[in-house]
Amino acid sequence: MKSTRDYDNAPAKRRLKTKPVLAVLSILLIGNLLWFIAWLIPNDTSKKNDSEEVASVAGKVITKEQWMASMESIYGKEVLLDMVNAEVMEAAAKKYKIKVSDAEVDLELALIRSTQESTSLQSYDEEVLRKDIRSRLILEKVLSKDIVIDDDAIKEFYDNNKNLYNTSTSYRTSVIYVSSEDEANKVVKELENGSSFEGLARERSADASSASLGGDIGYVSEGNESVDKALVGAVQNTDKGKWSKPIALADGRFAVAMVKSVFEGQSFSYEEVKERIYRELALDQLPQSVTQEAFWQEFDADWVYSE
């Protein structure tokens, strides 16, 4: 398919495709950088603030001005691109009278959490996530608005792929990985004595990636092949806000998991997903991929990186 989604011409039962999810994750990364940089920018832009010391090494000072310049050189273009695209999509929604409901965003969130890529959805603010999903849905609706799909084709797709719309219960999970059962028991003891799970994860976890995020590994659900089965089983038997006993993993390590939130599995009816399936089938008919940038000229969008 050539569009914002990518679906193969596969027969009957089709698994939920991952490219839309990966697209959301990449957008989210940029979105979070946007919020982070916006938070860093001082209200007072005086020279005094620019020269404020933020770090020093062997007596050599690093100023806020140097820090921000480095941030902009690395992330500036991507962050601004995200901002412009978001505004372009809102302008498109207004012009074409496109509506995106909370229920549609909820559906996308549920489907994202049920995929294997959900474990990569770490450290993302849900409000930012919902805004980025809204922007993607606006684009899909604009692209598919003039394409006609027969109701029978939509119903047939649903009947052949009901499994796509039956999502498993997912658990937002944080994990501390250690090399031995003795270490895992010590972690549990410290948690019982009031230590912060996030702090212990940063200090003790052997997995650098999740440790830097306070142990957060994203959403875990049954059937997720990227997560150790023992860990999935332990999470399913752990109450929200609580941590597990030491978990023996297949690779020889041990882990202690904490469930931060629980999202109950859902079965979506034909009426609830009819519009989504229509867009999937309609976007399949587009001859090539289309992104938000294709609408810049229509809505007179410009930026400092224009050549």
Protein backbone atom coordinates (compact mmCIF):
# COMPACT_ATOMS: atom_id res chain seq x y z
CA MET A 1 0.00 0.00 0.00
CA LYS A 2 1.19 3.51 -0.70
CA SER A 3 -0.02 5.79 2.07
CA THR A 4 0.40 6.56 5.73
CA ARG A 5 -0.21 2.88 6.43
CA ASP A 6 1.43 -0.12 4.77
CA TYR A 7 -0.66 -3.27 4.24
CA ASP A 8 0.28 -6.27 2.15
CA ASN A 9 -2.16 -7.89 -0.23
CA ALA A 10 -2.33 -10.89 2.09
CA PRO A 11 -5.18 -13.40 2.11
CA ALA A 12 -7.94 -13.65 4.74
CA LYS A 13 -6.40 -13.47 8.22
CA ARG A 14 -3.95 -10.60 8.40
CA ARG A 15 -1.89 -9.53 11.37
CA LEU A 16 -1.96 -5.94 12.51
CA LYS A 17 0.69 -4.19 10.49
CA THR A 18 3.47 -2.43 12.37
CA LYS A 19 4.49 0.50 10.20
CA PRO A 20 1.72 2.83 11.45
CA VAL A 21 2.85 2.07 15.00
CA LEU A 22 6.49 2.72 14.18
CA ALA A 23 5.49 5.99 12.52
CA VAL A 24 3.69 7.05 15.67
CA LEU A 25 6.73 6.16 17.78
CA SER A 26 9.05 8.24 15.63
CA ILE A 27 6.64 11.19 15.76
CA LEU A 28 6.42 10.81 19.51
CA LEU A 29 10.18 10.96 19.89
CA ILE A 30 10.22 14.27 18.08
CA GLY A 31 7.19 15.47 20.03
CA ASN A 32 8.83 14.75 23.35
CA LEU A 33 11.98 16.53 22.24
CA LEU A 34 9.77 19.49 21.35
CA TRP A 35 8.30 19.66 24.83
CA PHE A 36 11.71 19.21 26.40
CA ILE A 37 13.33 21.98 24.41
CA ALA A 38 10.35 24.28 24.97
CA TRP A 39 10.73 23.71 28.70
CA LEU A 40 14.41 24.57 28.51
CA ILE A 41 13.97 27.85 26.66
CA PRO A 42 14.05 30.67 29.24
CA ASN A 43 11.37 33.34 29.34
CA ASP A 44 14.09 35.95 29.85
CA THR A 45 16.34 35.91 26.79
CA SER A 46 18.84 38.37 28.19
CA LYS A 47 22.56 37.86 27.89
CA LYS A 48 22.66 37.05 31.60
CA ASN A 49 20.44 34.01 31.11
CA ASP A 50 22.31 32.96 27.97
CA SER A 51 25.56 32.92 29.89
CA GLU A 52 24.09 31.01 32.84
CA GLU A 53 26.34 28.14 33.85
CA VAL A 54 24.73 24.71 33.44
CA ALA A 55 27.84 22.55 33.93
CA SER A 56 31.59 22.69 34.35
CA VAL A 57 34.44 20.29 33.69
CA ALA A 58 37.91 20.84 35.21
CA GLY A 59 36.96 24.47 35.70
CA LYS A 60 35.73 24.97 32.13
CA VAL A 61 32.18 26.32 32.11
CA ILE A 62 29.38 25.15 29.80
CA THR A 63 26.74 27.88 29.43
CA LYS A 64 23.04 27.57 28.72
CA GLU A 65 23.63 29.35 25.40
CA GLN A 66 26.14 26.66 24.35
CA TRP A 67 23.83 23.91 25.54
CA MET A 68 20.81 25.26 23.67
CA ALA A 69 22.85 25.83 20.50
CA SER A 70 23.97 22.20 20.61
CA MET A 71 20.39 21.00 21.18
CA GLU A 72 19.16 23.05 18.23
CA SER A 73 21.90 21.78 15.92
CA ILE A 74 20.99 18.16 16.73
CA TYR A 75 17.21 18.29 17.09
CA GLY A 76 16.11 21.72 15.87
CA LYS A 77 15.09 20.81 12.33
CA GLU A 78 13.14 17.70 13.34
CA VAL A 79 11.33 19.50 16.17
CA LEU A 80 10.32 22.43 13.96
CA LEU A 81 9.19 20.01 11.24
CA ASP A 82 6.91 18.31 13.76
CA MET A 83 5.46 21.66 14.86
CA VAL A 84 4.78 22.81 11.29
CA ASN A 85 3.22 19.49 10.29
CA ALA A 86 0.91 19.56 13.31
CA GLU A 87 -0.32 23.05 12.38
CA VAL A 88 -0.72 22.08 8.73
CA MET A 89 -2.93 19.14 9.73
CA GLU A 90 -5.08 21.32 11.96
CA ALA A 91 -5.53 23.75 9.05
CA ALA A 92 -6.47 20.83 6.80
CA ALA A 93 -9.01 19.59 9.35
CA LYS A 94 -10.63 23.02 9.42
CA LYS A 95 -10.71 23.41 5.63
CA TYR A 96 -12.06 19.94 4.89
CA LYS A 97 -14.31 19.80 7.97
CA ILE A 98 -12.48 16.77 9.35
CA LYS A 99 -13.44 15.61 12.83
CA VAL A 100 -11.40 13.25 15.02
CA SER A 101 -13.23 11.96 18.09
CA ASP A 102 -11.79 10.84 21.41
CA ALA A 103 -13.19 7.36 20.68
CA GLU A 104 -11.10 7.16 17.48
CA VAL A 105 -7.96 8.13 19.37
CA ASP A 106 -8.81 5.59 22.09
CA LEU A 107 -9.13 2.88 19.43
CA GLU A 108 -5.71 3.69 17.98
CA LEU A 109 -4.16 3.68 21.46
CA ALA A 110 -5.67 0.28 22.23
CA LEU A 111 -4.35 -1.19 18.98
CA ILE A 112 -0.89 0.29 19.55
CA ARG A 113 -0.72 -1.20 23.04
CA SER A 114 -1.64 -4.63 21.67
CA THR A 115 1.25 -4.79 19.18
CA GLN A 116 4.78 -6.05 19.75
CA GLU A 117 6.11 -2.52 19.20
CA SER A 118 4.22 -1.34 22.31
CA THR A 119 7.24 -2.28 24.43
CA SER A 120 9.11 0.53 22.66
CA LEU A 121 6.52 3.07 23.78
CA GLN A 122 8.59 4.21 26.72
CA SER A 123 8.59 7.47 28.60
CA TYR A 124 5.94 9.12 26.44
CA ASP A 125 3.39 11.50 27.85
CA GLU A 126 -0.10 10.30 26.91
CA GLU A 127 -1.29 13.81 26.10
CA VAL A 128 1.51 14.17 23.53
CA LEU A 129 0.72 10.69 22.22
CA ARG A 130 -2.95 11.54 21.73
CA LYS A 131 -2.09 14.76 19.86
CA ASP A 132 0.24 12.92 17.51
CA ILE A 133 -2.36 10.22 16.83
CA ARG A 134 -4.90 12.95 16.10
CA SER A 135 -2.54 14.52 13.55
CA ARG A 136 -2.04 11.17 11.79
CA LEU A 137 -5.79 10.50 11.70
CA ILE A 138 -6.45 13.91 10.15
CA LEU A 139 -3.94 13.11 7.40
CA GLU A 140 -5.52 9.71 6.74
CA LYS A 141 -9.01 11.20 6.60
CA VAL A 142 -7.96 13.95 4.19
CA LEU A 143 -6.27 11.41 1.91
CA SER A 144 -9.21 9.01 1.92
CA LYS A 145 -12.13 11.46 1.86
CA ASP A 146 -12.90 11.11 -1.88
CA ILE A 147 -12.31 7.37 -2.21
CA VAL A 148 -15.37 5.13 -2.38
CA ILE A 149 -15.27 1.71 -0.70
CA ASP A 150 -18.25 -0.64 -0.86
CA ASP A 151 -19.79 -1.49 2.53
CA ASP A 152 -19.65 -5.19 1.66
CA ALA A 153 -15.86 -4.98 1.25
CA ILE A 154 -15.54 -3.31 4.64
CA LYS A 155 -17.71 -5.94 6.32
CA GLU A 156 -15.83 -8.78 4.62
CA PHE A 157 -12.51 -7.39 5.87
CA TYR A 158 -13.88 -7.18 9.41
CA ASP A 159 -15.27 -10.74 9.33
CA ASN A 160 -11.94 -12.09 8.07
CA ASN A 161 -9.83 -10.13 10.55
CA LYS A 162 -11.80 -9.92 13.77
CA ASN A 163 -8.70 -10.99 15.68
CA LEU A 164 -7.12 -7.62 14.89
CA TYR A 165 -9.79 -5.88 16.91
CA ASN A 166 -9.71 -8.12 19.98
CA THR A 167 -6.95 -6.61 22.08
CA SER A 168 -5.31 -8.23 25.08
CA THR A 169 -5.05 -6.55 28.47
CA SER A 170 -1.84 -4.49 28.50
CA TYR A 171 0.32 -3.47 31.44
CA ARG A 172 2.54 -0.40 31.59
CA THR A 173 5.58 -1.98 33.17
CA SER A 174 8.87 -1.02 34.76
CA VAL A 175 11.60 -3.62 35.32
CA ILE A 176 14.85 -3.91 37.25
CA TYR A 177 17.15 -6.49 35.66
CA VAL A 178 19.89 -8.10 37.76
CA SER A 179 22.34 -10.97 37.31
CA SER A 180 21.31 -13.21 40.23
CA GLU A 181 18.38 -14.22 42.40
CA ASP A 182 20.23 -12.91 45.46
CA GLU A 183 20.44 -9.44 43.88
CA ALA A 184 16.75 -9.61 42.97
CA ASN A 185 15.85 -10.44 46.58
CA LYS A 186 17.89 -7.47 47.76
CA VAL A 187 16.00 -5.22 45.33
CA VAL A 188 12.66 -6.48 46.69
CA LYS A 189 13.87 -5.89 50.26
CA GLU A 190 14.86 -2.30 49.44
CA LEU A 191 11.48 -1.69 47.82
CA GLU A 192 9.74 -3.04 50.92
CA ASN A 193 11.81 -0.62 53.00
CA GLY A 194 10.52 2.32 50.99
CA SER A 195 13.07 2.77 48.21
CA SER A 196 11.86 4.25 44.92
CA PHE A 197 11.46 1.72 42.11
CA GLU A 198 12.53 4.30 39.56
CA GLY A 199 15.60 5.24 41.59
CA LEU A 200 16.63 1.62 42.09
CA ALA A 201 16.16 0.91 38.40
CA ARG A 202 18.47 3.77 37.45
CA GLU A 203 21.04 2.63 40.02
CA ARG A 204 20.86 -1.16 39.91
CA SER A 205 19.31 -2.38 36.64
CA ALA A 206 21.68 -4.22 34.27
CA ASP A 207 19.68 -3.04 31.24
CA ALA A 208 21.04 0.39 30.35
CA SER A 209 18.18 1.34 28.02
CA SER A 210 15.32 0.83 30.48
CA ALA A 211 17.47 1.90 33.47
CA SER A 212 17.83 5.38 31.96
CA LEU A 213 14.01 5.58 31.95
CA GLY A 214 13.58 4.43 35.53
CA GLY A 215 12.96 0.84 34.41
CA ASP A 216 10.12 1.68 32.00
CA ILE A 217 9.79 -0.93 29.20
CA GLY A 218 6.46 0.29 27.83
CA TYR A 219 3.35 -1.88 27.48
CA VAL A 220 3.44 -5.63 28.04
CA SER A 221 0.64 -7.97 26.96
CA GLU A 222 0.04 -11.66 26.36
CA GLY A 223 1.54 -12.91 23.12
CA ASN A 224 4.21 -10.22 23.03
CA GLU A 225 7.16 -12.13 21.61
CA SER A 226 9.70 -9.44 22.43
CA VAL A 227 9.21 -9.91 26.20
CA ASP A 228 10.29 -12.96 28.22
CA LYS A 229 7.26 -15.20 28.86
CA ALA A 230 8.10 -15.45 32.56
CA LEU A 231 8.08 -11.67 32.82
CA VAL A 232 4.71 -11.45 31.03
CA GLY A 233 3.25 -14.05 33.39
CA ALA A 234 4.55 -12.26 36.46
CA VAL A 235 3.17 -8.91 35.29
CA GLN A 236 -0.27 -10.43 34.73
CA ASN A 237 -0.30 -11.55 38.35
CA THR A 238 0.91 -8.27 39.84
CA ASP A 239 -1.49 -5.57 41.00
CA LYS A 240 -1.26 -2.01 39.75
CA GLY A 241 1.28 -0.04 41.76
CA LYS A 242 2.87 -3.20 43.15
CA TRP A 243 6.04 -5.11 42.32
CA SER A 244 6.63 -8.78 41.68
CA LYS A 245 8.75 -11.37 43.40
CA PRO A 246 12.10 -12.16 41.71
CA ILE A 247 11.50 -13.50 38.18
CA ALA A 248 13.85 -16.04 36.60
CA LEU A 249 14.34 -15.13 32.93
CA ALA A 250 15.21 -17.42 30.04
CA ASP A 251 18.59 -15.71 29.49
CA GLY A 252 19.73 -16.54 33.03
CA ARG A 253 19.11 -13.13 34.52
CA PHE A 254 16.54 -12.22 37.14
CA ALA A 255 14.09 -9.34 37.23
CA VAL A 256 11.70 -7.48 39.49
CA ALA A 257 8.75 -5.90 37.70
CA MET A 258 6.34 -3.15 38.73
CA VAL A 259 2.95 -2.56 37.10
CA LYS A 260 2.37 1.17 36.67
CA SER A 261 -1.03 0.99 34.99
CA VAL A 262 -3.42 -1.57 33.49
CA PHE A 263 -5.48 -1.24 30.31
CA GLU A 264 -8.16 -3.89 30.02
CA GLY A 265 -8.45 -5.84 26.78
CA GLN A 266 -11.25 -4.85 24.43
CA SER A 267 -13.29 -6.39 21.64
CA PHE A 268 -14.28 -3.75 19.11
CA SER A 269 -17.50 -4.23 17.18
CA TYR A 270 -17.93 -3.74 13.45
CA GLU A 271 -19.57 -0.36 13.97
CA GLU A 272 -16.68 0.79 16.17
CA VAL A 273 -14.01 -0.03 13.58
CA LYS A 274 -15.96 0.41 10.33
CA GLU A 275 -14.52 3.88 9.68
CA ARG A 276 -11.00 2.70 10.44
CA ILE A 277 -11.28 -0.24 8.04
CA TYR A 278 -12.69 2.09 5.38
CA ARG A 279 -9.55 4.24 5.68
CA GLU A 280 -7.28 1.20 5.50
CA LEU A 281 -8.91 -0.03 2.30
CA ALA A 282 -9.11 3.46 0.80
CA LEU A 283 -5.46 4.23 1.50
CA ASP A 284 -4.53 0.95 -0.18
CA GLN A 285 -5.71 2.52 -3.43
CA LEU A 286 -3.33 5.49 -3.32
CA PRO A 287 -0.50 5.21 -5.88
CA GLN A 288 2.22 6.50 -3.57
CA SER A 289 3.04 7.48 -0.01
CA VAL A 290 1.82 10.89 1.11
CA THR A 291 3.06 12.82 4.16
CA GLN A 292 2.05 16.07 5.84
CA GLU A 293 4.70 17.95 3.85
CA ALA A 294 2.61 17.45 0.72
CA PHE A 295 0.12 19.97 2.15
CA TRP A 296 2.59 22.74 3.00
CA GLN A 297 2.06 24.69 -0.21
CA GLU A 298 -1.71 24.46 0.09
CA PHE A 299 -1.61 26.05 3.54
CA ASP A 300 1.26 28.47 2.85
CA ALA A 301 3.65 26.81 5.27
CA ASP A 302 7.24 27.99 5.40
CA TRP A 303 10.22 27.67 7.74
CA VAL A 304 13.79 28.81 8.30
CA TYR A 305 15.23 25.68 6.67
CA SER A 306 13.70 26.50 3.28
CA GLU A 307 16.33 26.56 0.56
